[in-house]
PDB file of N, CA and C in Angstrom:
ATOM      1  N   MET A   1     -15.819 -31.270  10.094  1.00  0.00           N
ATOM      2  CA  MET A   1     -15.394 -29.884  10.185  1.00  0.00           C
ATOM      3  C   MET A   1     -14.775 -29.481   8.846  1.00  0.00           C
ATOM      4  N   GLY A   2     -15.232 -28.372   8.287  1.00  0.00           N
ATOM      5  CA  GLY A   2     -14.706 -27.879   7.028  1.00  0.00           C
ATOM      6  C   GLY A   2     -13.733 -26.738   7.230  1.00  0.00           C
ATOM      7  N   LYS A   3     -13.432 -26.112   6.140  1.00  0.00           N
ATOM      8  CA  LYS A   3     -12.530 -24.965   6.181  1.00  0.00           C
ATOM      9  C   LYS A   3     -13.167 -23.801   5.445  1.00  0.00           C
ATOM     10  N   VAL A   4     -12.726 -22.619   5.795  1.00  0.00           N
ATOM     11  CA  VAL A   4     -13.222 -21.400   5.175  1.00  0.00           C
ATOM     12  C   VAL A   4     -12.048 -20.701   4.500  1.00  0.00           C
ATOM     13  N   ALA A   5     -12.281 -20.253   3.272  1.00  0.00           N
ATOM     14  CA  ALA A   5     -11.281 -19.445   2.564  1.00  0.00           C
ATOM     15  C   ALA A   5     -11.792 -18.013   2.552  1.00  0.00           C
ATOM     16  N   ALA A   6     -10.968 -17.108   3.037  1.00  0.00           N
ATOM     17  CA  ALA A   6     -11.334 -15.697   3.079  1.00  0.00           C
ATOM     18  C   ALA A   6     -10.298 -14.892   2.311  1.00  0.00           C
ATOM     19  N   ARG A   7     -10.765 -14.157   1.320  1.00  0.00           N
ATOM     20  CA  ARG A   7      -9.872 -13.271   0.574  1.00  0.00           C
ATOM     21  C   ARG A   7      -9.953 -11.902   1.236  1.00  0.00           C
ATOM     22  N   MET A   8      -8.811 -11.434   1.727  1.00  0.00           N
ATOM     23  CA  MET A   8      -8.736 -10.185   2.459  1.00  0.00           C
ATOM     24  C   MET A   8      -8.118  -9.109   1.577  1.00  0.00           C
ATOM     25  N   LYS A   9      -8.439  -7.868   1.850  1.00  0.00           N
ATOM     26  CA  LYS A   9      -7.807  -6.735   1.168  1.00  0.00           C
ATOM     27  C   LYS A   9      -7.054  -5.949   2.225  1.00  0.00           C
ATOM     28  N   VAL A  10      -5.727  -5.962   2.121  1.00  0.00           N
ATOM     29  CA  VAL A  10      -4.872  -5.286   3.086  1.00  0.00           C
ATOM     30  C   VAL A  10      -4.239  -4.076   2.410  1.00  0.00           C
ATOM     31  N   MET A  11      -4.590  -2.893   2.913  1.00  0.00           N
ATOM     32  CA  MET A  11      -4.055  -1.647   2.360  1.00  0.00           C
ATOM     33  C   MET A  11      -2.838  -1.213   3.168  1.00  0.00           C
ATOM     34  N   PRO A  12      -1.706  -0.993   2.495  1.00  0.00           N
ATOM     35  CA  PRO A  12      -0.527  -0.480   3.201  1.00  0.00           C
ATOM     36  C   PRO A  12      -0.711   0.994   3.534  1.00  0.00           C
ATOM     37  N   GLN A  13       0.083   1.485   4.488  1.00  0.00           N
ATOM     38  CA  GLN A  13      -0.024   2.879   4.912  1.00  0.00           C
ATOM     39  C   GLN A  13       0.400   3.862   3.831  1.00  0.00           C
ATOM     40  N   SER A  14       1.310   3.438   2.958  1.00  0.00           N
ATOM     41  CA  SER A  14       1.772   4.331   1.891  1.00  0.00           C
ATOM     42  C   SER A  14       2.351   3.495   0.752  1.00  0.00           C
ATOM     43  N   PRO A  15       2.566   4.122  -0.413  1.00  0.00           N
ATOM     44  CA  PRO A  15       3.187   3.390  -1.526  1.00  0.00           C
ATOM     45  C   PRO A  15       4.640   2.994  -1.237  1.00  0.00           C
ATOM     46  N   ASP A  16       5.228   3.587  -0.197  1.00  0.00           N
ATOM     47  CA  ASP A  16       6.627   3.308   0.138  1.00  0.00           C
ATOM     48  C   ASP A  16       6.823   2.040   0.956  1.00  0.00           C
ATOM     49  N   VAL A  17       5.749   1.431   1.427  1.00  0.00           N
ATOM     50  CA  VAL A  17       5.853   0.214   2.239  1.00  0.00           C
ATOM     51  C   VAL A  17       6.354  -0.933   1.365  1.00  0.00           C
ATOM     52  N   ASP A  18       7.377  -1.658   1.866  1.00  0.00           N
ATOM     53  CA  ASP A  18       7.924  -2.827   1.167  1.00  0.00           C
ATOM     54  C   ASP A  18       6.894  -3.955   1.242  1.00  0.00           C
ATOM     55  N   LEU A  19       6.273  -4.278   0.121  1.00  0.00           N
ATOM     56  CA  LEU A  19       5.186  -5.257   0.109  1.00  0.00           C
ATOM     57  C   LEU A  19       5.648  -6.669   0.426  1.00  0.00           C
ATOM     58  N   ASP A  20       6.865  -7.035   0.018  1.00  0.00           N
ATOM     59  CA  ASP A  20       7.375  -8.375   0.334  1.00  0.00           C
ATOM     60  C   ASP A  20       7.553  -8.522   1.845  1.00  0.00           C
ATOM     61  N   ASP A  21       8.103  -7.483   2.482  1.00  0.00           N
ATOM     62  CA  ASP A  21       8.289  -7.495   3.925  1.00  0.00           C
ATOM     63  C   ASP A  21       6.936  -7.497   4.642  1.00  0.00           C
ATOM     64  N   LEU A  22       5.998  -6.696   4.139  1.00  0.00           N
ATOM     65  CA  LEU A  22       4.663  -6.651   4.726  1.00  0.00           C
ATOM     66  C   LEU A  22       3.984  -8.022   4.621  1.00  0.00           C
ATOM     67  N   GLN A  23       4.141  -8.684   3.499  1.00  0.00           N
ATOM     68  CA  GLN A  23       3.562 -10.017   3.320  1.00  0.00           C
ATOM     69  C   GLN A  23       4.140 -10.991   4.346  1.00  0.00           C
ATOM     70  N   ASP A  24       5.442 -10.936   4.575  1.00  0.00           N
ATOM     71  CA  ASP A  24       6.068 -11.810   5.579  1.00  0.00           C
ATOM     72  C   ASP A  24       5.514 -11.529   6.974  1.00  0.00           C
ATOM     73  N   ARG A  25       5.344 -10.250   7.305  1.00  0.00           N
ATOM     74  CA  ARG A  25       4.819  -9.892   8.628  1.00  0.00           C
ATOM     75  C   ARG A  25       3.367 -10.350   8.786  1.00  0.00           C
ATOM     76  N   LEU A  26       2.592 -10.279   7.706  1.00  0.00           N
ATOM     77  CA  LEU A  26       1.210 -10.769   7.766  1.00  0.00           C
ATOM     78  C   LEU A  26       1.186 -12.267   8.038  1.00  0.00           C
ATOM     79  N   GLU A  27       2.036 -13.022   7.347  1.00  0.00           N
ATOM     80  CA  GLU A  27       2.096 -14.474   7.547  1.00  0.00           C
ATOM     81  C   GLU A  27       2.481 -14.817   8.985  1.00  0.00           C
ATOM     82  N   ASN A  28       3.408 -14.040   9.552  1.00  0.00           N
ATOM     83  CA  ASN A  28       3.862 -14.300  10.921  1.00  0.00           C
ATOM     84  C   ASN A  28       2.833 -13.892  11.971  1.00  0.00           C
ATOM     85  N   SER A  29       1.863 -13.065  11.603  1.00  0.00           N
ATOM     86  CA  SER A  29       0.866 -12.587  12.566  1.00  0.00           C
ATOM     87  C   SER A  29      -0.355 -13.494  12.672  1.00  0.00           C
ATOM     88  N   LEU A  30      -0.463 -14.483  11.808  1.00  0.00           N
ATOM     89  CA  LEU A  30      -1.664 -15.328  11.760  1.00  0.00           C
ATOM     90  C   LEU A  30      -1.882 -16.100  13.060  1.00  0.00           C
ATOM     91  N   PRO A  31      -3.132 -16.206  13.492  1.00  0.00           N
ATOM     92  CA  PRO A  31      -3.427 -17.042  14.654  1.00  0.00           C
ATOM     93  C   PRO A  31      -3.215 -18.518  14.321  1.00  0.00           C
ATOM     94  N   GLU A  32      -3.109 -19.325  15.357  1.00  0.00           N
ATOM     95  CA  GLU A  32      -2.881 -20.759  15.180  1.00  0.00           C
ATOM     96  C   GLU A  32      -4.016 -21.383  14.376  1.00  0.00           C
ATOM     97  N   GLY A  33      -3.660 -22.253  13.438  1.00  0.00           N
ATOM     98  CA  GLY A  33      -4.634 -22.952  12.618  1.00  0.00           C
ATOM     99  C   GLY A  33      -4.941 -22.264  11.303  1.00  0.00           C
ATOM    100  N   ALA A  34      -4.514 -21.018  11.154  1.00  0.00           N
ATOM    101  CA  ALA A  34      -4.761 -20.271   9.914  1.00  0.00           C
ATOM    102  C   ALA A  34      -3.499 -20.286   9.060  1.00  0.00           C
ATOM    103  N   LYS A  35      -3.695 -20.237   7.742  1.00  0.00           N
ATOM    104  CA  LYS A  35      -2.544 -20.165   6.851  1.00  0.00           C
ATOM    105  C   LYS A  35      -2.932 -19.375   5.606  1.00  0.00           C
ATOM    106  N   ILE A  36      -1.936 -18.748   5.014  1.00  0.00           N
ATOM    107  CA  ILE A  36      -2.154 -18.011   3.777  1.00  0.00           C
ATOM    108  C   ILE A  36      -1.924 -18.966   2.621  1.00  0.00           C
ATOM    109  N   ASN A  37      -2.925 -19.094   1.764  1.00  0.00           N
ATOM    110  CA  ASN A  37      -2.848 -19.985   0.615  1.00  0.00           C
ATOM    111  C   ASN A  37      -2.146 -19.305  -0.561  1.00  0.00           C
ATOM    112  N   ARG A  38      -2.474 -18.039  -0.807  1.00  0.00           N
ATOM    113  CA  ARG A  38      -1.856 -17.283  -1.887  1.00  0.00           C
ATOM    114  C   ARG A  38      -2.035 -15.802  -1.597  1.00  0.00           C
ATOM    115  N   VAL A  39      -1.202 -14.985  -2.245  1.00  0.00           N
ATOM    116  CA  VAL A  39      -1.303 -13.536  -2.099  1.00  0.00           C
ATOM    117  C   VAL A  39      -1.244 -12.912  -3.488  1.00  0.00           C
ATOM    118  N   ASP A  40      -2.302 -12.172  -3.808  1.00  0.00           N
ATOM    119  CA  ASP A  40      -2.336 -11.406  -5.052  1.00  0.00           C
ATOM    120  C   ASP A  40      -2.070  -9.945  -4.706  1.00  0.00           C
ATOM    121  N   ARG A  41      -1.758  -9.179  -5.737  1.00  0.00           N
ATOM    122  CA  ARG A  41      -1.553  -7.739  -5.560  1.00  0.00           C
ATOM    123  C   ARG A  41      -2.480  -7.000  -6.508  1.00  0.00           C
ATOM    124  N   GLU A  42      -3.096  -5.945  -6.000  1.00  0.00           N
ATOM    125  CA  GLU A  42      -4.066  -5.189  -6.783  1.00  0.00           C
ATOM    126  C   GLU A  42      -3.680  -3.709  -6.786  1.00  0.00           C
ATOM    127  N   ASN A  43      -3.499  -3.155  -7.985  1.00  0.00           N
ATOM    128  CA  ASN A  43      -3.225  -1.728  -8.100  1.00  0.00           C
ATOM    129  C   ASN A  43      -4.458  -0.954  -7.660  1.00  0.00           C
ATOM    130  N   VAL A  44      -4.254   0.005  -6.762  1.00  0.00           N
ATOM    131  CA  VAL A  44      -5.370   0.793  -6.251  1.00  0.00           C
ATOM    132  C   VAL A  44      -5.387   2.156  -6.940  1.00  0.00           C
ATOM    133  N   ALA A  45      -4.365   2.975  -6.677  1.00  0.00           N
ATOM    134  CA  ALA A  45      -4.281   4.303  -7.302  1.00  0.00           C
ATOM    135  C   ALA A  45      -2.968   4.957  -6.912  1.00  0.00           C
ATOM    136  N   PHE A  46      -2.439   5.756  -7.813  1.00  0.00           N
ATOM    137  CA  PHE A  46      -1.260   6.585  -7.541  1.00  0.00           C
ATOM    138  C   PHE A  46      -0.089   5.786  -6.966  1.00  0.00           C
ATOM    139  N   GLY A  47       0.138   4.591  -7.487  1.00  0.00           N
ATOM    140  CA  GLY A  47       1.255   3.767  -7.041  1.00  0.00           C
ATOM    141  C   GLY A  47       0.973   2.926  -5.810  1.00  0.00           C
ATOM    142  N   LEU A  48      -0.208   3.053  -5.233  1.00  0.00           N
ATOM    143  CA  LEU A  48      -0.571   2.269  -4.054  1.00  0.00           C
ATOM    144  C   LEU A  48      -1.069   0.897  -4.505  1.00  0.00           C
ATOM    145  N   ILE A  49      -0.497  -0.145  -3.894  1.00  0.00           N
ATOM    146  CA  ILE A  49      -0.847  -1.525  -4.240  1.00  0.00           C
ATOM    147  C   ILE A  49      -1.340  -2.230  -2.985  1.00  0.00           C
ATOM    148  N   ALA A  50      -2.510  -2.836  -3.072  1.00  0.00           N
ATOM    149  CA  ALA A  50      -3.079  -3.595  -1.955  1.00  0.00           C
ATOM    150  C   ALA A  50      -2.649  -5.050  -2.057  1.00  0.00           C
ATOM    151  N   LEU A  51      -2.383  -5.661  -0.911  1.00  0.00           N
ATOM    152  CA  LEU A  51      -2.151  -7.102  -0.856  1.00  0.00           C
ATOM    153  C   LEU A  51      -3.496  -7.782  -0.680  1.00  0.00           C
ATOM    154  N   MET A  52      -3.693  -8.878  -1.402  1.00  0.00           N
ATOM    155  CA  MET A  52      -4.957  -9.614  -1.368  1.00  0.00           C
ATOM    156  C   MET A  52      -4.686 -11.065  -0.958  1.00  0.00           C
ATOM    157  N   PRO A  53      -4.374 -11.305   0.336  1.00  0.00           N
ATOM    158  CA  PRO A  53      -4.114 -12.684   0.761  1.00  0.00           C
ATOM    159  C   PRO A  53      -5.401 -13.496   0.873  1.00  0.00           C
ATOM    160  N   THR A  54      -5.332 -14.759   0.464  1.00  0.00           N
ATOM    161  CA  THR A  54      -6.419 -15.706   0.685  1.00  0.00           C
ATOM    162  C   THR A  54      -6.010 -16.560   1.878  1.00  0.00           C
ATOM    163  N   VAL A  55      -6.767 -16.445   2.956  1.00  0.00           N
ATOM    164  CA  VAL A  55      -6.444 -17.112   4.209  1.00  0.00           C
ATOM    165  C   VAL A  55      -7.394 -18.285   4.410  1.00  0.00           C
ATOM    166  N   ILE A  56      -6.830 -19.437   4.770  1.00  0.00           N
ATOM    167  CA  ILE A  56      -7.607 -20.634   5.055  1.00  0.00           C
ATOM    168  C   ILE A  56      -7.674 -20.805   6.576  1.00  0.00           C
ATOM    169  N   VAL A  57      -8.899 -20.891   7.098  1.00  0.00           N
ATOM    170  CA  VAL A  57      -9.091 -21.083   8.537  1.00  0.00           C
ATOM    171  C   VAL A  57     -10.075 -22.219   8.762  1.00  0.00           C
ATOM    172  N   PRO A  58      -9.949 -22.930   9.892  1.00  0.00           N
ATOM    173  CA  PRO A  58     -10.930 -23.972  10.208  1.00  0.00           C
ATOM    174  C   PRO A  58     -12.316 -23.352  10.378  1.00  0.00           C
ATOM    175  N   ASP A  59     -13.343 -24.097   9.987  1.00  0.00           N
ATOM    176  CA  ASP A  59     -14.723 -23.619  10.063  1.00  0.00           C
ATOM    177  C   ASP A  59     -15.125 -23.259  11.487  1.00  0.00           C
ATOM    178  N   ASP A  60     -14.569 -23.946  12.472  1.00  0.00           N
ATOM    179  CA  ASP A  60     -14.934 -23.691  13.866  1.00  0.00           C
ATOM    180  C   ASP A  60     -14.170 -22.524  14.481  1.00  0.00           C
ATOM    181  N   ALA A  61     -13.365 -21.809  13.691  1.00  0.00           N
ATOM    182  CA  ALA A  61     -12.572 -20.695  14.213  1.00  0.00           C
ATOM    183  C   ALA A  61     -13.421 -19.459  14.491  1.00  0.00           C
ATOM    184  N   GLY A  62     -14.660 -19.449  14.024  1.00  0.00           N
ATOM    185  CA  GLY A  62     -15.544 -18.338  14.336  1.00  0.00           C
ATOM    186  C   GLY A  62     -15.471 -17.183  13.360  1.00  0.00           C
ATOM    187  N   GLY A  63     -15.098 -17.440  12.146  1.00  0.00           N
ATOM    188  CA  GLY A  63     -15.082 -16.384  11.134  1.00  0.00           C
ATOM    189  C   GLY A  63     -13.712 -15.770  10.941  1.00  0.00           C
ATOM    190  N   THR A  64     -13.722 -14.559  10.403  1.00  0.00           N
ATOM    191  CA  THR A  64     -12.470 -13.902  10.015  1.00  0.00           C
ATOM    192  C   THR A  64     -12.030 -12.816  10.984  1.00  0.00           C
ATOM    193  N   GLU A  65     -12.751 -12.626  12.077  1.00  0.00           N
ATOM    194  CA  GLU A  65     -12.444 -11.526  12.990  1.00  0.00           C
ATOM    195  C   GLU A  65     -11.031 -11.612  13.556  1.00  0.00           C
ATOM    196  N   ALA A  66     -10.582 -12.813  13.928  1.00  0.00           N
ATOM    197  CA  ALA A  66      -9.236 -12.966  14.482  1.00  0.00           C
ATOM    198  C   ALA A  66      -8.173 -12.609  13.440  1.00  0.00           C
ATOM    199  N   ILE A  67      -8.425 -12.970  12.182  1.00  0.00           N
ATOM    200  CA  ILE A  67      -7.493 -12.647  11.097  1.00  0.00           C
ATOM    201  C   ILE A  67      -7.455 -11.139  10.884  1.00  0.00           C
ATOM    202  N   GLU A  68      -8.625 -10.511  10.840  1.00  0.00           N
ATOM    203  CA  GLU A  68      -8.692  -9.062  10.644  1.00  0.00           C
ATOM    204  C   GLU A  68      -7.947  -8.323  11.753  1.00  0.00           C
ATOM    205  N   GLU A  69      -8.135  -8.747  12.991  1.00  0.00           N
ATOM    206  CA  GLU A  69      -7.453  -8.108  14.120  1.00  0.00           C
ATOM    207  C   GLU A  69      -5.947  -8.307  14.033  1.00  0.00           C
ATOM    208  N   ALA A  70      -5.516  -9.519  13.711  1.00  0.00           N
ATOM    209  CA  ALA A  70      -4.077  -9.804  13.616  1.00  0.00           C
ATOM    210  C   ALA A  70      -3.436  -8.968  12.517  1.00  0.00           C
ATOM    211  N   PHE A  71      -4.066  -8.907  11.349  1.00  0.00           N
ATOM    212  CA  PHE A  71      -3.525  -8.119  10.243  1.00  0.00           C
ATOM    213  C   PHE A  71      -3.520  -6.635  10.569  1.00  0.00           C
ATOM    214  N   SER A  72      -4.539  -6.137  11.266  1.00  0.00           N
ATOM    215  CA  SER A  72      -4.621  -4.716  11.606  1.00  0.00           C
ATOM    216  C   SER A  72      -3.506  -4.282  12.544  1.00  0.00           C
ATOM    217  N   ASP A  73      -3.001  -5.217  13.353  1.00  0.00           N
ATOM    218  CA  ASP A  73      -1.938  -4.900  14.308  1.00  0.00           C
ATOM    219  C   ASP A  73      -0.542  -4.901  13.695  1.00  0.00           C
ATOM    220  N   VAL A  74      -0.411  -5.296  12.438  1.00  0.00           N
ATOM    221  CA  VAL A  74       0.900  -5.364  11.772  1.00  0.00           C
ATOM    222  C   VAL A  74       1.336  -3.954  11.368  1.00  0.00           C
ATOM    223  N   ASP A  75       2.602  -3.637  11.647  1.00  0.00           N
ATOM    224  CA  ASP A  75       3.150  -2.336  11.244  1.00  0.00           C
ATOM    225  C   ASP A  75       3.082  -2.187   9.736  1.00  0.00           C
ATOM    226  N   GLY A  76       2.667  -1.008   9.282  1.00  0.00           N
ATOM    227  CA  GLY A  76       2.601  -0.729   7.859  1.00  0.00           C
ATOM    228  C   GLY A  76       1.235  -0.962   7.248  1.00  0.00           C
ATOM    229  N   VAL A  77       0.273  -1.496   8.046  1.00  0.00           N
ATOM    230  CA  VAL A  77      -1.074  -1.764   7.540  1.00  0.00           C
ATOM    231  C   VAL A  77      -1.984  -0.582   7.880  1.00  0.00           C
ATOM    232  N   GLU A  78      -2.618  -0.037   6.857  1.00  0.00           N
ATOM    233  CA  GLU A  78      -3.570   1.058   7.041  1.00  0.00           C
ATOM    234  C   GLU A  78      -4.970   0.517   7.356  1.00  0.00           C
ATOM    235  N   SER A  79      -5.419  -0.477   6.564  1.00  0.00           N
ATOM    236  CA  SER A  79      -6.751  -1.033   6.788  1.00  0.00           C
ATOM    237  C   SER A  79      -6.817  -2.467   6.282  1.00  0.00           C
ATOM    238  N   VAL A  80      -7.801  -3.197   6.810  1.00  0.00           N
ATOM    239  CA  VAL A  80      -8.041  -4.587   6.427  1.00  0.00           C
ATOM    240  C   VAL A  80      -9.540  -4.749   6.200  1.00  0.00           C
ATOM    241  N   ALA A  81      -9.894  -5.388   5.097  1.00  0.00           N
ATOM    242  CA  ALA A  81     -11.300  -5.646   4.804  1.00  0.00           C
ATOM    243  C   ALA A  81     -11.435  -7.043   4.219  1.00  0.00           C
ATOM    244  N   VAL A  82     -12.581  -7.662   4.457  1.00  0.00           N
ATOM    245  CA  VAL A  82     -12.879  -8.963   3.867  1.00  0.00           C
ATOM    246  C   VAL A  82     -13.442  -8.717   2.479  1.00  0.00           C
ATOM    247  N   ASP A  83     -12.823  -9.316   1.464  1.00  0.00           N
ATOM    248  CA  ASP A  83     -13.264  -9.161   0.089  1.00  0.00           C
ATOM    249  C   ASP A  83     -14.258 -10.268  -0.287  1.00  0.00           C
ATOM    250  N   GLU A  84     -13.923 -11.518   0.036  1.00  0.00           N
ATOM    251  CA  GLU A  84     -14.780 -12.674  -0.275  1.00  0.00           C
ATOM    252  C   GLU A  84     -14.585 -13.735   0.795  1.00  0.00           C
ATOM    253  N   VAL A  85     -15.644 -14.502   1.048  1.00  0.00           N
ATOM    254  CA  VAL A  85     -15.561 -15.619   1.988  1.00  0.00           C
ATOM    255  C   VAL A  85     -16.340 -16.785   1.385  1.00  0.00           C
ATOM    256  N   GLY A  86     -15.772 -17.983   1.523  1.00  0.00           N
ATOM    257  CA  GLY A  86     -16.455 -19.177   1.048  1.00  0.00           C
ATOM    258  C   GLY A  86     -15.972 -20.406   1.772  1.00  0.00           C
ATOM    259  N   ARG A  87     -16.797 -21.428   1.802  1.00  0.00           N
ATOM    260  CA  ARG A  87     -16.417 -22.703   2.423  1.00  0.00           C
ATOM    261  C   ARG A  87     -15.729 -23.578   1.387  1.00  0.00           C
ATOM    262  N   ILE A  88     -14.754 -24.331   1.850  1.00  0.00           N
ATOM    263  CA  ILE A  88     -14.061 -25.266   0.967  1.00  0.00           C
ATOM    264  C   ILE A  88     -14.063 -26.652   1.572  1.00  0.00           C
TER     265      ILE A  88
END
């Protein structure tokens, strides 16, 4: 059984969202067996910064759908998209 690394793009609802707090809430929302390896930040526009967490999940977890749903339910998240996926 391998692992999958998925780089996600998480857009906050506004530039006023505390990104450190949002990152903590994302980490706490992860389903069992998943973990965040690293989080980058990407300037989008007009002061809006997207969080770009790289999430490691077991290959048998069935993809990134559970991660996308968990992140979408976090307060302060406007949208979640998969940026890159690869096996490790």
